[in-house]
Amino acid sequence: MRRTDKEITDRQQLDAVIRGSLVCRVALAKDNLPYVVPLSFGYDGAAIYLHTATEGKKIEYFEANPRVCFEFERHVELRRDPQIACKWSFAFESVIGHGTVAELADVAEKEHALDQIMRQYSGQSWPFEPASVAAVRVWKIAITSMTGKQSKPKL
């Protein structure tokens, strides 16, 4: 990272950024064509979990190339300067990483993943009806690397 003064290296802080985010942006590639999609997600500290419909563009990309890049952000704030345009900037915390996506077929693994997604947004566990679990495809991103960056607001 070029700006090591802004780098987040503490794993607990990286996890806090992920858990404090509302959206996971996933970058995919197929036939040398990039595709970025915002998704709801779950995170258990070791992997990122996603769910999709049974067919669609994301699935075509996942199946063509399982290597993905992901991004999270929180505490985003626009910094304005009333007189100088080039002094406008953002305060933020972000995590960018790489991993490999694979579909989960085992019912227990799918339920774990769906539970992580619900925990991300509700803070609690939920029971799942077998028909609901069967109606979606569930994916796991095995994280291979991630880095964090922050730009804090000036006081």
Protein backbone atom coordinates (compact mmCIF):
# COMPACT_ATOMS: atom_id res chain seq x y z
CA MET A 1 0.00 0.00 0.00
CA ARG A 2 1.40 3.36 -1.01
CA ARG A 3 -0.02 5.29 1.96
CA THR A 4 1.15 3.13 4.86
CA ASP A 5 0.11 5.93 7.25
CA LYS A 6 -3.52 5.14 6.31
CA GLU A 7 -3.18 1.34 6.30
CA ILE A 8 -5.29 -0.77 8.67
CA THR A 9 -3.23 -3.78 9.75
CA ASP A 10 -5.07 -4.86 12.90
CA ARG A 11 -7.29 -7.89 12.13
CA GLN A 12 -9.90 -6.84 14.70
CA GLN A 13 -10.23 -3.46 13.02
CA LEU A 14 -10.52 -5.10 9.58
CA ASP A 15 -13.28 -7.34 10.96
CA ALA A 16 -15.02 -4.31 12.50
CA VAL A 17 -15.05 -2.53 9.14
CA ILE A 18 -16.59 -5.59 7.47
CA ARG A 19 -19.16 -6.10 10.21
CA GLY A 20 -20.02 -2.39 10.15
CA SER A 21 -20.70 -2.37 6.41
CA LEU A 22 -24.10 -2.64 4.79
CA VAL A 23 -22.96 -3.78 1.35
CA CYS A 24 -20.27 -6.05 -0.05
CA ARG A 25 -19.19 -5.12 -3.54
CA VAL A 26 -17.86 -8.11 -5.45
CA ALA A 27 -15.80 -7.76 -8.63
CA LEU A 28 -15.99 -10.65 -11.08
CA ALA A 29 -14.46 -11.34 -14.48
CA LYS A 30 -15.53 -13.50 -17.41
CA ASP A 31 -14.01 -13.54 -20.90
CA ASN A 32 -11.86 -10.52 -19.94
CA LEU A 33 -15.02 -8.53 -19.10
CA PRO A 34 -15.26 -7.12 -15.55
CA TYR A 35 -18.50 -6.95 -13.57
CA VAL A 36 -19.03 -5.39 -10.13
CA VAL A 37 -22.14 -6.10 -8.10
CA PRO A 38 -23.29 -4.85 -4.67
CA LEU A 39 -24.60 -7.67 -2.47
CA SER A 40 -25.95 -8.38 0.96
CA PHE A 41 -23.54 -10.64 2.81
CA GLY A 42 -22.62 -12.54 5.93
CA TYR A 43 -19.21 -12.83 7.54
CA ASP A 44 -18.01 -15.26 10.19
CA GLY A 45 -14.43 -14.02 10.50
CA ALA A 46 -13.11 -16.61 8.06
CA ALA A 47 -15.30 -16.31 4.97
CA ILE A 48 -17.87 -14.12 3.26
CA TYR A 49 -21.27 -15.60 2.43
CA LEU A 50 -23.65 -14.57 -0.35
CA HIS A 51 -26.92 -15.82 -1.73
CA THR A 52 -28.36 -15.57 -5.22
CA ALA A 53 -31.35 -16.64 -7.23
CA THR A 54 -31.03 -19.97 -8.99
CA GLU A 55 -29.76 -18.39 -12.23
CA GLY A 56 -28.39 -15.10 -13.46
CA LYS A 57 -25.37 -13.08 -14.52
CA LYS A 58 -23.50 -13.38 -11.20
CA ILE A 59 -23.71 -17.14 -11.38
CA GLU A 60 -22.40 -17.16 -14.96
CA TYR A 61 -19.40 -15.12 -13.79
CA PHE A 62 -18.86 -17.22 -10.64
CA GLU A 63 -18.83 -20.40 -12.72
CA ALA A 64 -16.55 -18.96 -15.42
CA ASN A 65 -13.96 -17.61 -12.98
CA PRO A 66 -14.11 -18.28 -9.23
CA ARG A 67 -11.46 -15.66 -8.41
CA VAL A 68 -13.07 -12.51 -7.02
CA CYS A 69 -12.20 -9.20 -5.45
CA PHE A 70 -14.41 -7.72 -2.71
CA GLU A 71 -14.79 -4.32 -1.05
CA PHE A 72 -16.39 -3.00 2.13
CA GLU A 73 -16.63 0.53 3.49
CA ARG A 74 -18.01 2.32 6.52
CA HIS A 75 -17.98 5.73 8.18
CA VAL A 76 -17.92 7.49 4.82
CA GLU A 77 -18.11 11.24 5.15
CA LEU A 78 -17.64 13.91 2.50
CA ARG A 79 -15.17 16.60 3.58
CA ARG A 80 -15.94 19.97 2.02
CA ASP A 81 -13.83 23.07 1.79
CA PRO A 82 -15.84 26.26 1.22
CA GLN A 83 -13.12 27.92 -0.85
CA ILE A 84 -10.73 25.41 -2.44
CA ALA A 85 -12.04 22.67 -4.72
CA CYS A 86 -8.92 20.52 -4.46
CA LYS A 87 -9.28 20.30 -0.69
CA TRP A 88 -12.51 18.30 -0.94
CA SER A 89 -12.03 14.67 0.10
CA PHE A 90 -13.57 11.79 2.07
CA ALA A 91 -13.17 10.30 5.51
CA PHE A 92 -13.67 6.52 5.41
CA GLU A 93 -12.62 3.04 6.47
CA SER A 94 -12.43 0.36 3.80
CA VAL A 95 -11.37 -3.24 3.28
CA ILE A 96 -10.42 -4.68 -0.10
CA GLY A 97 -9.57 -8.32 -0.55
CA HIS A 98 -9.35 -11.29 -2.84
CA GLY A 99 -10.74 -14.77 -2.60
CA THR A 100 -12.25 -17.74 -4.33
CA VAL A 101 -15.99 -18.23 -4.54
CA ALA A 102 -17.63 -21.67 -4.41
CA GLU A 103 -21.21 -22.79 -4.16
CA LEU A 104 -22.36 -24.50 -0.98
CA ALA A 105 -24.47 -27.59 -1.58
CA ASP A 106 -24.60 -29.14 1.89
CA VAL A 107 -27.80 -28.06 3.69
CA ALA A 108 -26.00 -27.45 7.01
CA GLU A 109 -23.37 -25.28 5.28
CA LYS A 110 -26.09 -23.34 3.45
CA GLU A 111 -27.96 -22.76 6.71
CA HIS A 112 -24.76 -21.57 8.40
CA ALA A 113 -24.15 -19.13 5.53
CA LEU A 114 -27.74 -17.85 5.54
CA ASP A 115 -27.54 -17.47 9.32
CA GLN A 116 -24.40 -15.35 8.93
CA ILE A 117 -26.21 -13.15 6.41
CA MET A 118 -29.15 -12.66 8.79
CA ARG A 119 -26.80 -12.01 11.73
CA GLN A 120 -25.07 -9.28 9.70
CA TYR A 121 -28.31 -7.30 9.43
CA SER A 122 -30.35 -8.35 12.46
CA GLY A 123 -27.76 -9.37 15.04
CA GLN A 124 -29.55 -12.65 15.75
CA SER A 125 -30.02 -16.21 14.49
CA TRP A 126 -33.09 -17.25 12.54
CA PRO A 127 -34.64 -20.63 11.75
CA PHE A 128 -34.88 -21.48 8.06
CA GLU A 129 -37.62 -23.42 6.33
CA PRO A 130 -36.20 -26.24 4.17
CA ALA A 131 -38.12 -24.92 1.14
CA SER A 132 -36.54 -21.48 1.56
CA VAL A 133 -33.04 -22.94 1.78
CA ALA A 134 -33.68 -25.06 -1.31
CA ALA A 135 -34.97 -22.02 -3.27
CA VAL A 136 -31.67 -20.11 -3.21
CA ARG A 137 -28.10 -20.74 -4.20
CA VAL A 138 -25.57 -19.97 -1.49
CA TRP A 139 -21.92 -19.06 -2.02
CA LYS A 140 -18.81 -18.86 0.12
CA ILE A 141 -15.86 -16.61 -0.61
CA ALA A 142 -12.76 -18.17 0.91
CA ILE A 143 -10.63 -15.13 1.68
CA THR A 144 -7.04 -15.33 0.42
CA SER A 145 -5.97 -11.77 1.28
CA MET A 146 -7.32 -8.46 2.46
CA THR A 147 -6.05 -5.01 3.31
CA GLY A 148 -7.61 -2.03 4.98
CA LYS A 149 -7.32 1.71 4.61
CA GLN A 150 -8.68 4.63 6.59
CA SER A 151 -8.83 8.36 6.25
CA LYS A 152 -10.07 9.89 9.46
CA PRO A 153 -11.94 13.20 9.64
CA LYS A 154 -9.82 16.14 10.67
CA LEU A 155 -10.81 17.56 14.02
